[in-house]
Amino acid sequence: MKLVIGGSTGFVGEELILQAIQNPAFTSIIALSRRETPLPPGSTKVKSVVCDDFEDYSDNVNNELKDADACIWTIAITPSKSTTFPFEETSKISRDYATTAIRTISSLRSDQSRPFRFVYMSGHFVARSLDELAAPVRAHGLVDYTLMRGEAEVQILEFAENSGGAVQASVARPGMIDSPNRERREIPGVPHVELRDVAASLLAQVVDGFEKDTLVNDDLTRIGQKALAK
C-alpha cells in the first residue's frame, strides 16, 4: 500500500512516519512537505518529497504521488496561530491545500479497482454550521476560523461521496494531542489524546477502511489503542 503523509515534518506527521515504517501493510511512504523531511536511518520505504506549491503541484511532485492508495493530511494553521496570519492565508493553508490534495492525488491513480482513502486532520471544536459552534469558540473569537475548517470537512466528504466509490474520506477531530516530549496544555472543554493513539488510529483506518466519516477524540483513542495492542 502506498501512503502519502501531507505535513510529514509536523508533530503528527513525524509519528505517522515512524509507525508506518513498522507496519507491513505500507510498502511505500511519501513524506510530503514544503521542506525536506528528516527520515529515520535505514528506512528504505520512505521518500521525502518537497512541494513548493500546494495549490498547483509540479510534474515532479505529481509523479511521486502517482498511484497512491491513501493520504493522511495534517497540514493546517492551528487555532492558536491563526491570529498571526491573514485569514485568507489561513484558509488557503487549512482548507484549500487539503481540497487540492484529495482532488489531485485521487486523479493520479491508474488502478481504480480499489478506493483511494483520504483522512483530513481537523480539530475538536470545528463546526460545519453556526448551530454547532461551541461557546469557547465564540468566546475566543474563532468563529470564522472554526467554520472555515468545517467548510473544508464538508468539501472533502462531499468530494468522496460524489466520486462513485472511487474515493473514501474521513475527518479526524482530536482534542489536545499529548506526547512524553511535549508539555501538557489544558484548554477548558478540550479532551486529551495520546500522539501514538492518534497516529495508530489513522493508519489503521486507511488500511482497514473507515469506521465512519467523522472520528472524534474518543474514537481515535479507542481505535488507536486497539491497533497498538495488536
Protein backbone atom coordinates (compact mmCIF):
# COMPACT_ATOMS: atom_id res chain seq x y z
CA MET A 1 0.00 0.00 0.00
CA LYS A 2 1.35 3.40 -0.99
CA LEU A 3 0.68 6.10 1.61
CA VAL A 4 1.10 9.87 1.31
CA ILE A 5 1.61 11.82 4.53
CA GLY A 6 0.85 15.50 3.96
CA GLY A 7 2.71 17.55 6.55
CA SER A 8 5.39 14.97 7.24
CA THR A 9 7.66 17.36 9.16
CA GLY A 10 4.97 18.23 11.69
CA PHE A 11 4.22 16.86 15.15
CA VAL A 12 1.70 14.25 13.98
CA GLY A 13 3.39 13.65 10.63
CA GLU A 14 6.63 12.52 12.24
CA GLU A 15 4.81 9.94 14.38
CA LEU A 16 2.84 8.71 11.37
CA ILE A 17 6.11 8.04 9.54
CA LEU A 18 7.63 6.16 12.48
CA GLN A 19 4.60 3.92 12.86
CA ALA A 20 4.01 3.43 9.14
CA ILE A 21 7.58 2.22 8.66
CA GLN A 22 6.92 -0.58 11.14
CA ASN A 23 3.58 -1.51 9.57
CA PRO A 24 3.95 -4.18 6.86
CA ALA A 25 0.72 -3.01 5.20
CA PHE A 26 2.62 0.02 3.86
CA THR A 27 5.11 -0.77 1.12
CA SER A 28 5.79 2.83 0.09
CA ILE A 29 5.51 6.05 2.09
CA ILE A 30 5.69 9.51 0.55
CA ALA A 31 6.65 12.16 3.11
CA LEU A 32 5.20 15.32 1.55
CA SER A 33 6.19 18.71 2.94
CA ARG A 34 7.40 22.17 2.00
CA ARG A 35 10.87 21.22 3.18
CA GLU A 36 12.97 18.07 3.29
CA THR A 37 11.66 15.52 5.78
CA PRO A 38 14.27 14.02 8.14
CA LEU A 39 14.00 10.26 7.73
CA PRO A 40 14.87 7.55 10.25
CA PRO A 41 18.20 5.83 9.48
CA GLY A 42 17.89 2.72 7.38
CA SER A 43 14.33 3.33 6.23
CA THR A 44 14.03 2.15 2.65
CA LYS A 45 10.31 2.52 2.01
CA VAL A 46 10.04 6.24 2.86
CA LYS A 47 10.80 9.01 0.38
CA SER A 48 10.89 12.72 1.18
CA VAL A 49 9.13 14.82 -1.46
CA VAL A 50 9.36 18.61 -1.30
CA CYS A 51 6.37 20.58 -2.64
CA ASP A 52 6.78 24.29 -3.31
CA ASP A 53 3.14 24.94 -4.24
CA PHE A 54 0.32 23.03 -2.57
CA GLU A 55 -2.28 24.57 -4.88
CA ASP A 56 -0.56 23.57 -8.12
CA TYR A 57 1.72 20.54 -7.90
CA SER A 58 4.71 20.32 -10.19
CA ASP A 59 5.11 17.43 -12.63
CA ASN A 60 7.86 16.01 -10.41
CA VAL A 61 5.61 16.02 -7.35
CA ASN A 62 2.72 14.50 -9.31
CA ASN A 63 4.99 11.75 -10.48
CA GLU A 64 5.88 10.85 -6.89
CA LEU A 65 2.23 10.89 -5.82
CA LYS A 66 1.09 8.71 -8.70
CA ASP A 67 -0.85 5.57 -7.76
CA ALA A 68 -1.08 6.34 -4.05
CA ASP A 69 -3.65 4.25 -2.20
CA ALA A 70 -4.20 6.62 0.70
CA CYS A 71 -3.31 10.02 2.11
CA ILE A 72 -3.35 11.38 5.67
CA TRP A 73 -3.44 15.19 5.55
CA THR A 74 -2.16 17.06 8.60
CA ILE A 75 -1.28 20.48 7.12
CA ALA A 76 -3.17 23.38 8.72
CA ILE A 77 -2.79 26.53 10.78
CA THR A 78 -3.67 25.79 14.41
CA PRO A 79 -6.27 27.93 16.22
CA SER A 80 -3.60 29.47 18.47
CA LYS A 81 -1.55 30.58 15.46
CA SER A 82 -4.46 31.61 13.24
CA THR A 83 -4.50 35.17 14.58
CA THR A 84 -0.91 35.72 13.40
CA PHE A 85 -1.82 35.10 9.74
CA PRO A 86 -4.20 36.95 7.42
CA PHE A 87 -7.47 34.97 7.32
CA GLU A 88 -7.10 34.44 3.57
CA GLU A 89 -3.71 32.78 4.13
CA THR A 90 -5.06 30.67 6.98
CA SER A 91 -7.95 29.49 4.79
CA LYS A 92 -5.63 28.64 1.93
CA ILE A 93 -3.34 26.54 4.09
CA SER A 94 -6.01 24.91 6.26
CA ARG A 95 -8.74 24.33 3.65
CA ASP A 96 -7.57 24.83 0.08
CA TYR A 97 -4.39 22.78 0.37
CA ALA A 98 -6.41 19.81 1.60
CA THR A 99 -9.13 20.04 -1.05
CA THR A 100 -6.47 20.34 -3.73
CA ALA A 101 -4.73 17.27 -2.31
CA ILE A 102 -7.74 14.97 -2.39
CA ARG A 103 -8.65 16.02 -5.91
CA THR A 104 -5.13 15.85 -7.28
CA ILE A 105 -3.83 12.67 -5.67
CA SER A 106 -7.02 10.71 -6.39
CA SER A 107 -6.80 11.72 -10.06
CA LEU A 108 -3.28 10.30 -10.39
CA ARG A 109 -4.31 6.68 -9.91
CA SER A 110 -4.20 4.26 -12.81
CA ASP A 111 -5.87 1.43 -10.85
CA GLN A 112 -9.42 2.40 -9.88
CA SER A 113 -10.39 -1.09 -8.70
CA ARG A 114 -9.74 -0.07 -5.10
CA PRO A 115 -10.90 3.16 -3.45
CA PHE A 116 -8.48 5.92 -2.63
CA ARG A 117 -8.71 6.76 1.08
CA PHE A 118 -8.16 10.27 2.42
CA VAL A 119 -8.07 11.48 6.03
CA TYR A 120 -8.33 15.16 6.90
CA MET A 121 -6.95 16.14 10.32
CA SER A 122 -9.34 18.70 11.77
CA GLY A 123 -9.98 19.77 15.37
CA HIS A 124 -12.21 19.15 18.38
CA PHE A 125 -14.33 22.32 18.19
CA VAL A 126 -14.63 22.52 14.38
CA ALA A 127 -18.22 23.19 13.29
CA ARG A 128 -20.00 22.85 9.96
CA SER A 129 -22.76 25.33 10.80
CA LEU A 130 -23.47 28.21 13.18
CA ASP A 131 -25.72 25.93 15.21
CA GLU A 132 -22.78 23.65 16.00
CA LEU A 133 -20.50 26.37 17.37
CA ALA A 134 -19.30 25.72 20.90
CA ALA A 135 -19.27 28.55 23.45
CA PRO A 136 -15.43 28.63 23.77
CA VAL A 137 -15.18 29.25 20.02
CA ARG A 138 -17.30 32.38 20.28
CA ALA A 139 -15.53 33.48 23.45
CA HIS A 140 -12.10 33.34 21.83
CA GLY A 141 -13.08 34.99 18.55
CA LEU A 142 -12.55 31.86 16.46
CA VAL A 143 -15.94 31.68 14.74
CA ASP A 144 -14.67 32.35 11.21
CA TYR A 145 -11.72 30.03 11.65
CA THR A 146 -13.87 27.21 13.04
CA LEU A 147 -16.46 27.47 10.27
CA MET A 148 -13.72 27.59 7.64
CA ARG A 149 -12.32 24.30 8.93
CA GLY A 150 -15.83 22.91 8.91
CA GLU A 151 -16.21 24.01 5.30
CA ALA A 152 -13.06 22.06 4.46
CA GLU A 153 -14.55 18.96 6.09
CA VAL A 154 -17.74 19.31 4.08
CA GLN A 155 -15.93 19.79 0.78
CA ILE A 156 -13.72 16.75 1.36
CA LEU A 157 -16.58 14.48 2.42
CA GLU A 158 -18.77 15.65 -0.46
CA PHE A 159 -16.00 15.05 -2.97
CA ALA A 160 -15.70 11.47 -1.77
CA GLU A 161 -19.47 10.99 -1.73
CA ASN A 162 -19.74 12.21 -5.32
CA SER A 163 -16.87 10.04 -6.59
CA GLY A 164 -18.98 6.99 -7.24
CA GLY A 165 -16.96 4.91 -4.79
CA ALA A 166 -13.56 5.82 -6.24
CA VAL A 167 -12.69 7.92 -3.17
CA GLN A 168 -13.42 7.38 0.51
CA ALA A 169 -12.83 10.14 3.06
CA SER A 170 -12.92 10.65 6.79
CA VAL A 171 -12.34 13.57 9.14
CA ALA A 172 -10.37 13.22 12.38
CA ARG A 173 -11.18 15.60 15.23
CA PRO A 174 -8.63 15.09 18.00
CA GLY A 175 -8.51 17.15 21.15
CA MET A 176 -5.22 18.14 22.75
CA ILE A 177 -2.57 15.75 21.48
CA ASP A 178 -0.10 14.70 24.17
CA SER A 179 3.29 13.05 23.97
CA PRO A 180 6.06 12.37 26.52
CA ASN A 181 8.27 15.02 24.90
CA ARG A 182 5.66 17.75 24.85
CA GLU A 183 4.39 19.94 27.69
CA ARG A 184 0.78 19.10 28.54
CA ARG A 185 -1.59 22.01 27.99
CA GLU A 186 -5.10 22.41 29.33
CA ILE A 187 -7.92 24.11 27.44
CA PRO A 188 -11.36 24.05 29.08
CA GLY A 189 -13.70 21.66 27.29
CA VAL A 190 -10.99 20.05 25.14
CA PRO A 191 -10.21 16.37 25.84
CA HIS A 192 -6.77 14.80 25.57
CA VAL A 193 -5.46 12.04 23.32
CA GLU A 194 -2.03 10.45 23.06
CA LEU A 195 0.03 11.08 19.93
CA ARG A 196 0.70 7.35 19.50
CA ASP A 197 -3.03 6.63 19.59
CA VAL A 198 -3.84 9.31 17.00
CA ALA A 199 -1.24 8.03 14.54
CA ALA A 200 -2.14 4.37 15.09
CA SER A 201 -5.84 5.04 14.60
CA LEU A 202 -5.39 6.96 11.34
CA LEU A 203 -3.05 4.33 9.90
CA ALA A 204 -5.45 1.55 10.89
CA GLN A 205 -8.34 3.36 9.25
CA VAL A 206 -6.65 3.83 5.88
CA VAL A 207 -5.67 0.16 5.88
CA ASP A 208 -8.89 -1.41 7.15
CA GLY A 209 -11.44 1.14 5.91
CA PHE A 210 -13.21 3.98 7.64
CA GLU A 211 -15.45 3.22 10.59
CA LYS A 212 -17.34 6.47 9.97
CA ASP A 213 -16.87 9.79 8.22
CA THR A 214 -16.05 11.76 11.38
CA LEU A 215 -13.77 10.35 14.07
CA VAL A 216 -13.92 12.25 17.36
CA ASN A 217 -11.40 12.17 20.18
CA ASP A 218 -12.79 9.07 21.90
CA ASP A 219 -12.84 7.19 18.57
CA LEU A 220 -9.19 8.00 17.96
CA THR A 221 -8.21 6.77 21.41
CA ARG A 222 -10.22 3.57 21.12
CA ILE A 223 -9.13 2.67 17.59
CA GLY A 224 -5.52 3.64 18.24
CA GLN A 225 -5.18 1.59 21.41
CA LYS A 226 -6.74 -1.41 19.73
CA ALA A 227 -4.32 -1.11 16.80
CA LEU A 228 -1.31 -0.75 19.08
CA ALA A 229 -2.38 -3.76 21.15
CA LYS A 230 -2.04 -5.92 18.05
